[in-house]
C-alpha atoms as a PDB file:
ATOM      1  CA  MET A   1      52.979 227.160 289.508  1.00  0.00           C
ATOM      2  CA  GLU A   2      50.811 224.052 289.482  1.00  0.00           C
ATOM      3  CA  VAL A   3      52.377 220.629 290.006  1.00  0.00           C
ATOM      4  CA  ILE A   4      50.619 217.753 288.242  1.00  0.00           C
ATOM      5  CA  PRO A   5      51.536 214.396 289.828  1.00  0.00           C
ATOM      6  CA  LEU A   6      52.498 211.464 287.592  1.00  0.00           C
ATOM      7  CA  ASN A   7      53.552 207.823 288.090  1.00  0.00           C
ATOM      8  CA  ARG A   8      51.197 206.967 291.009  1.00  0.00           C
ATOM      9  CA  PHE A   9      52.149 210.068 293.032  1.00  0.00           C
ATOM     10  CA  ILE A  10      49.700 212.161 295.022  1.00  0.00           C
ATOM     11  CA  SER A  11      50.242 215.866 295.659  1.00  0.00           C
ATOM     12  CA  ILE A  12      49.471 216.745 299.285  1.00  0.00           C
ATOM     13  CA  GLU A  13      49.457 219.702 301.647  1.00  0.00           C
ATOM     14  CA  PRO A  14      50.556 218.674 305.154  1.00  0.00           C
ATOM     15  CA  ILE A  15      48.232 219.773 307.951  1.00  0.00           C
ATOM     16  CA  VAL A  16      50.294 221.011 310.872  1.00  0.00           C
ATOM     17  CA  GLU A  17      48.542 220.734 314.184  1.00  0.00           C
ATOM     18  CA  THR A  18      49.937 223.096 316.771  1.00  0.00           C
ATOM     19  CA  GLU A  19      50.616 221.800 320.231  1.00  0.00           C
ATOM     20  CA  GLU A  20      51.531 223.635 323.350  1.00  0.00           C
ATOM     21  CA  ALA A  21      55.264 223.566 323.802  1.00  0.00           C
ATOM     22  CA  GLU A  22      56.387 221.379 326.650  1.00  0.00           C
ATOM     23  CA  GLN A  23      59.315 222.377 328.792  1.00  0.00           C
ATOM     24  CA  ALA A  24      62.117 220.112 327.573  1.00  0.00           C
ATOM     25  CA  PRO A  25      64.451 218.625 330.180  1.00  0.00           C
ATOM     26  CA  ILE A  26      67.308 219.116 327.698  1.00  0.00           C
ATOM     27  CA  LEU A  27      68.288 222.107 325.589  1.00  0.00           C
ATOM     28  CA  VAL A  28      67.031 222.048 322.007  1.00  0.00           C
ATOM     29  CA  PRO A  29      67.050 224.741 319.296  1.00  0.00           C
ATOM     30  CA  ASP A  30      64.045 227.098 319.300  1.00  0.00           C
ATOM     31  CA  ASN A  31      62.975 225.966 315.813  1.00  0.00           C
ATOM     32  CA  TYR A  32      63.111 222.232 316.664  1.00  0.00           C
ATOM     33  CA  ARG A  33      59.810 220.450 316.040  1.00  0.00           C
ATOM     34  CA  PRO A  34      59.591 216.737 316.799  1.00  0.00           C
ATOM     35  CA  GLN A  35      58.074 214.879 313.872  1.00  0.00           C
ATOM     36  CA  SER A  36      55.722 211.996 314.452  1.00  0.00           C
ATOM     37  CA  LEU A  37      55.749 208.831 312.369  1.00  0.00           C
ATOM     38  CA  HIS A  38      52.364 209.622 310.790  1.00  0.00           C
ATOM     39  CA  GLY A  39      50.803 212.900 309.762  1.00  0.00           C
ATOM     40  CA  LYS A  40      47.595 214.376 308.425  1.00  0.00           C
ATOM     41  CA  ALA A  41      47.486 215.872 304.928  1.00  0.00           C
ATOM     42  CA  LYS A  42      45.013 217.272 302.414  1.00  0.00           C
ATOM     43  CA  VAL A  43      45.008 215.794 298.883  1.00  0.00           C
ATOM     44  CA  ILE A  44      45.735 218.478 296.268  1.00  0.00           C
ATOM     45  CA  GLY A  45      46.198 216.396 293.117  1.00  0.00           C
ATOM     46  CA  ILE A  46      46.258 212.772 291.987  1.00  0.00           C
ATOM     47  CA  ALA A  47      48.132 211.066 289.136  1.00  0.00           C
ATOM     48  CA  ASN A  48      45.918 209.601 286.389  1.00  0.00           C
ATOM     49  CA  ASP A  49      47.318 206.094 286.938  1.00  0.00           C
ATOM     50  CA  CYS A  50      46.609 206.161 290.692  1.00  0.00           C
ATOM     51  CA  LYS A  51      44.377 203.270 291.824  1.00  0.00           C
ATOM     52  CA  LEU A  52      43.793 204.633 295.324  1.00  0.00           C
ATOM     53  CA  LEU A  53      40.213 205.740 295.953  1.00  0.00           C
ATOM     54  CA  VAL A  54      40.891 209.278 297.143  1.00  0.00           C
ATOM     55  CA  GLY A  55      39.720 212.580 295.756  1.00  0.00           C
ATOM     56  CA  THR A  56      40.986 216.117 295.721  1.00  0.00           C
ATOM     57  CA  GLY A  57      40.252 217.735 299.079  1.00  0.00           C
ATOM     58  CA  ASP A  58      40.212 214.448 301.028  1.00  0.00           C
ATOM     59  CA  CYS A  59      42.026 214.377 304.352  1.00  0.00           C
ATOM     60  CA  VAL A  60      44.447 211.429 304.628  1.00  0.00           C
ATOM     61  CA  ILE A  61      46.997 209.977 307.041  1.00  0.00           C
ATOM     62  CA  VAL A  62      50.460 209.462 305.508  1.00  0.00           C
ATOM     63  CA  ASP A  63      53.829 208.021 306.507  1.00  0.00           C
ATOM     64  CA  ASN A  64      55.831 211.206 307.205  1.00  0.00           C
ATOM     65  CA  SER A  65      59.147 209.560 306.363  1.00  0.00           C
ATOM     66  CA  MET A  66      57.975 208.938 302.782  1.00  0.00           C
ATOM     67  CA  VAL A  67      56.791 212.474 301.947  1.00  0.00           C
ATOM     68  CA  GLN A  68      58.972 214.018 299.241  1.00  0.00           C
ATOM     69  CA  GLU A  69      59.534 217.770 299.441  1.00  0.00           C
ATOM     70  CA  ILE A  70      59.970 219.434 296.042  1.00  0.00           C
ATOM     71  CA  ASN A  71      61.117 223.063 295.672  1.00  0.00           C
ATOM     72  CA  VAL A  72      59.561 224.732 292.608  1.00  0.00           C
ATOM     73  CA  GLY A  73      60.787 228.300 292.373  1.00  0.00           C
ATOM     74  CA  GLU A  74      60.045 229.824 295.762  1.00  0.00           C
ATOM     75  CA  GLU A  75      57.228 227.361 296.523  1.00  0.00           C
ATOM     76  CA  THR A  76      57.513 224.017 298.284  1.00  0.00           C
ATOM     77  CA  LYS A  77      55.324 221.145 297.068  1.00  0.00           C
ATOM     78  CA  TYR A  78      54.844 217.764 298.736  1.00  0.00           C
ATOM     79  CA  LEU A  79      54.391 214.429 296.957  1.00  0.00           C
ATOM     80  CA  ILE A  80      53.850 210.903 298.225  1.00  0.00           C
ATOM     81  CA  LEU A  81      53.412 207.570 296.459  1.00  0.00           C
ATOM     82  CA  GLU A  82      49.890 206.175 296.683  1.00  0.00           C
ATOM     83  CA  ASN A  83      50.990 203.103 298.653  1.00  0.00           C
ATOM     84  CA  HIS A  84      52.258 205.321 301.518  1.00  0.00           C
ATOM     85  CA  VAL A  85      48.797 206.778 302.143  1.00  0.00           C
ATOM     86  CA  LEU A  86      47.537 204.824 305.148  1.00  0.00           C
ATOM     87  CA  CYS A  87      43.890 205.862 305.383  1.00  0.00           C
ATOM     88  CA  VAL A  88      41.278 208.454 304.462  1.00  0.00           C
ATOM     89  CA  LEU A  89      39.628 210.433 307.259  1.00  0.00           C
ATOM     90  CA  GLU A  90      35.863 210.918 306.947  1.00  0.00           C
ATOM     91  CA  GLU A  91      33.842 213.396 308.959  1.00  0.00           C
END
C-alpha cells in the first residue's frame, strides 16, 4: 500500500548502518540498539505543499526523535515534518 504524504510531511525510509557490536560493561537485552540523535534516510515521497528542496531518492539527515512510525496493515511507514530534515547529502 502506498502512503502519500500531506500537510508538509515527507515519507522516508531510514538507512540503518550496521556497526560492530561492542562488548558492553553492563548487561543489556540482545535486541537493544542505541539510537543516535540524528540518522540517515532516503526520501520516498513528498507532500505537495512542502517547500523543502528535496526530491524522491535524495539521502537526508533527520532528527530521529521526530520520525513518526505509522503501521499500515503489516507494513511500517516513516514520516517526518519538513522542518525536521536537517540537510541533504550529495555524492
